[in-house]
Amino acid sequence: MISMPALAASHTITIEGFAFKPATLEVKAGDEIVWVNKDIVEHTATASDGAFDSKSVKPGSSWRWKAARAGQHAYICALHPTMTGAVTVK
């Protein structure tokens, strides 16, 4: 019997009402995360450890990041620092 590798999953974080929804997310290495901006202003998803930085995500746009290795990544919107989230990669 041949063992097939697990397929990577795609996860969505919605940016709406000046919040990341969900605020915390657990994924596996190799998974992709898509941040979708449904607000009327630009936002970022900027990891405090430098793992990722979306730069500006305009209203109605999205940004993707592939979780390459295990770790916990706290992040903020650099334009609105009260917006916080965390991604845990297993």
C-alpha atoms as a PDB file:
ATOM      1  CA  MET A   1       0.000   0.000   0.000  1.00  0.00           C
ATOM      2  CA  ILE A   2       1.338   3.431  -0.942  1.00  0.00           C
ATOM      3  CA  SER A   3       1.032   6.220   1.588  1.00  0.00           C
ATOM      4  CA  MET A   4       0.016   9.555   0.122  1.00  0.00           C
ATOM      5  CA  PRO A   5       1.201  12.779   1.763  1.00  0.00           C
ATOM      6  CA  ALA A   6      -1.493  14.908   3.361  1.00  0.00           C
ATOM      7  CA  LEU A   7      -2.674  17.741   1.173  1.00  0.00           C
ATOM      8  CA  ALA A   8      -2.096  21.254   2.403  1.00  0.00           C
ATOM      9  CA  ALA A   9      -5.211  23.048   3.602  1.00  0.00           C
ATOM     10  CA  SER A  10      -6.306  26.619   2.973  1.00  0.00           C
ATOM     11  CA  HIS A  11      -7.577  28.774   5.847  1.00  0.00           C
ATOM     12  CA  THR A  12      -9.256  32.181   5.705  1.00  0.00           C
ATOM     13  CA  ILE A  13      -8.940  35.046   8.164  1.00  0.00           C
ATOM     14  CA  THR A  14     -11.436  37.828   7.529  1.00  0.00           C
ATOM     15  CA  ILE A  15     -10.509  41.413   8.336  1.00  0.00           C
ATOM     16  CA  GLU A  16     -13.773  43.101   9.245  1.00  0.00           C
ATOM     17  CA  GLY A  17     -14.894  45.657  11.818  1.00  0.00           C
ATOM     18  CA  PHE A  18     -11.231  46.448  12.598  1.00  0.00           C
ATOM     19  CA  ALA A  19     -10.667  42.860  13.792  1.00  0.00           C
ATOM     20  CA  PHE A  20      -9.111  39.624  12.546  1.00  0.00           C
ATOM     21  CA  LYS A  21     -11.688  36.818  12.499  1.00  0.00           C
ATOM     22  CA  PRO A  22     -10.754  34.355  13.839  1.00  0.00           C
ATOM     23  CA  ALA A  23      -8.213  36.124  16.047  1.00  0.00           C
ATOM     24  CA  THR A  24      -6.300  32.884  16.644  1.00  0.00           C
ATOM     25  CA  LEU A  25      -5.738  30.087  14.177  1.00  0.00           C
ATOM     26  CA  GLU A  26      -3.879  26.770  14.325  1.00  0.00           C
ATOM     27  CA  VAL A  27      -2.587  25.309  11.061  1.00  0.00           C
ATOM     28  CA  LYS A  28      -0.134  22.662   9.884  1.00  0.00           C
ATOM     29  CA  ALA A  29       3.177  23.412   8.196  1.00  0.00           C
ATOM     30  CA  GLY A  30       2.514  23.661   4.461  1.00  0.00           C
ATOM     31  CA  ASP A  31      -0.980  25.108   4.890  1.00  0.00           C
ATOM     32  CA  GLU A  32      -1.914  28.415   3.314  1.00  0.00           C
ATOM     33  CA  ILE A  33      -3.626  31.282   5.106  1.00  0.00           C
ATOM     34  CA  VAL A  34      -5.581  33.931   3.203  1.00  0.00           C
ATOM     35  CA  TRP A  35      -6.396  37.261   4.850  1.00  0.00           C
ATOM     36  CA  VAL A  36      -9.459  38.865   3.193  1.00  0.00           C
ATOM     37  CA  ASN A  37     -10.039  42.576   3.843  1.00  0.00           C
ATOM     38  CA  LYS A  38     -13.776  43.299   4.077  1.00  0.00           C
ATOM     39  CA  ASP A  39     -13.279  46.669   5.790  1.00  0.00           C
ATOM     40  CA  ILE A  40     -13.451  50.043   4.027  1.00  0.00           C
ATOM     41  CA  VAL A  41      -9.822  50.920   4.875  1.00  0.00           C
ATOM     42  CA  GLU A  42      -6.411  49.321   4.269  1.00  0.00           C
ATOM     43  CA  HIS A  43      -4.929  46.916   6.825  1.00  0.00           C
ATOM     44  CA  THR A  44      -1.824  44.773   7.245  1.00  0.00           C
ATOM     45  CA  ALA A  45      -1.031  41.413   8.797  1.00  0.00           C
ATOM     46  CA  THR A  46       2.435  41.991  10.264  1.00  0.00           C
ATOM     47  CA  ALA A  47       4.064  39.304  12.425  1.00  0.00           C
ATOM     48  CA  SER A  48       6.031  40.566  15.425  1.00  0.00           C
ATOM     49  CA  ASP A  49       8.721  37.919  14.786  1.00  0.00           C
ATOM     50  CA  GLY A  50       9.163  38.910  11.125  1.00  0.00           C
ATOM     51  CA  ALA A  51       7.685  35.638   9.786  1.00  0.00           C
ATOM     52  CA  PHE A  52       5.320  37.533   7.464  1.00  0.00           C
ATOM     53  CA  ASP A  53       4.235  41.021   6.482  1.00  0.00           C
ATOM     54  CA  SER A  54       1.388  41.540   4.068  1.00  0.00           C
ATOM     55  CA  LYS A  55       2.182  45.224   3.570  1.00  0.00           C
ATOM     56  CA  SER A  56      -1.008  47.101   2.655  1.00  0.00           C
ATOM     57  CA  VAL A  57      -4.106  45.002   1.896  1.00  0.00           C
ATOM     58  CA  LYS A  58      -6.629  47.280   0.232  1.00  0.00           C
ATOM     59  CA  PRO A  59     -10.387  47.004   0.856  1.00  0.00           C
ATOM     60  CA  GLY A  60     -11.841  44.102  -1.130  1.00  0.00           C
ATOM     61  CA  SER A  61      -8.401  42.529  -1.607  1.00  0.00           C
ATOM     62  CA  SER A  62      -6.653  39.550  -0.056  1.00  0.00           C
ATOM     63  CA  TRP A  63      -3.138  38.366   0.784  1.00  0.00           C
ATOM     64  CA  ARG A  64      -1.774  34.800   1.087  1.00  0.00           C
ATOM     65  CA  TRP A  65       0.971  33.274   3.211  1.00  0.00           C
ATOM     66  CA  LYS A  66       2.214  29.696   3.232  1.00  0.00           C
ATOM     67  CA  ALA A  67       3.088  28.455   6.724  1.00  0.00           C
ATOM     68  CA  ALA A  68       6.463  26.811   6.112  1.00  0.00           C
ATOM     69  CA  ARG A  69       7.585  25.757   9.595  1.00  0.00           C
ATOM     70  CA  ALA A  70       6.316  25.253  13.120  1.00  0.00           C
ATOM     71  CA  GLY A  71       6.057  28.194  15.484  1.00  0.00           C
ATOM     72  CA  GLN A  72       3.719  30.717  17.024  1.00  0.00           C
ATOM     73  CA  HIS A  73       3.372  34.036  15.255  1.00  0.00           C
ATOM     74  CA  ALA A  74       1.644  36.933  16.993  1.00  0.00           C
ATOM     75  CA  TYR A  75       0.677  39.655  14.527  1.00  0.00           C
ATOM     76  CA  ILE A  76      -0.914  43.089  14.324  1.00  0.00           C
ATOM     77  CA  CYS A  77      -2.220  45.511  11.762  1.00  0.00           C
ATOM     78  CA  ALA A  78       0.690  47.961  11.482  1.00  0.00           C
ATOM     79  CA  LEU A  79      -1.791  50.723  10.604  1.00  0.00           C
ATOM     80  CA  HIS A  80      -4.144  49.942  13.520  1.00  0.00           C
ATOM     81  CA  PRO A  81      -2.013  48.319  16.289  1.00  0.00           C
ATOM     82  CA  THR A  82      -5.022  47.507  18.481  1.00  0.00           C
ATOM     83  CA  MET A  83      -5.902  44.834  15.895  1.00  0.00           C
ATOM     84  CA  THR A  84      -4.108  41.658  16.985  1.00  0.00           C
ATOM     85  CA  GLY A  85      -4.056  37.997  16.063  1.00  0.00           C
ATOM     86  CA  ALA A  86      -1.966  34.856  16.331  1.00  0.00           C
ATOM     87  CA  VAL A  87      -1.169  31.947  14.054  1.00  0.00           C
ATOM     88  CA  THR A  88       0.213  28.707  15.493  1.00  0.00           C
ATOM     89  CA  VAL A  89       1.886  26.415  12.972  1.00  0.00           C
ATOM     90  CA  LYS A  90       2.169  22.762  14.109  1.00  0.00           C
END
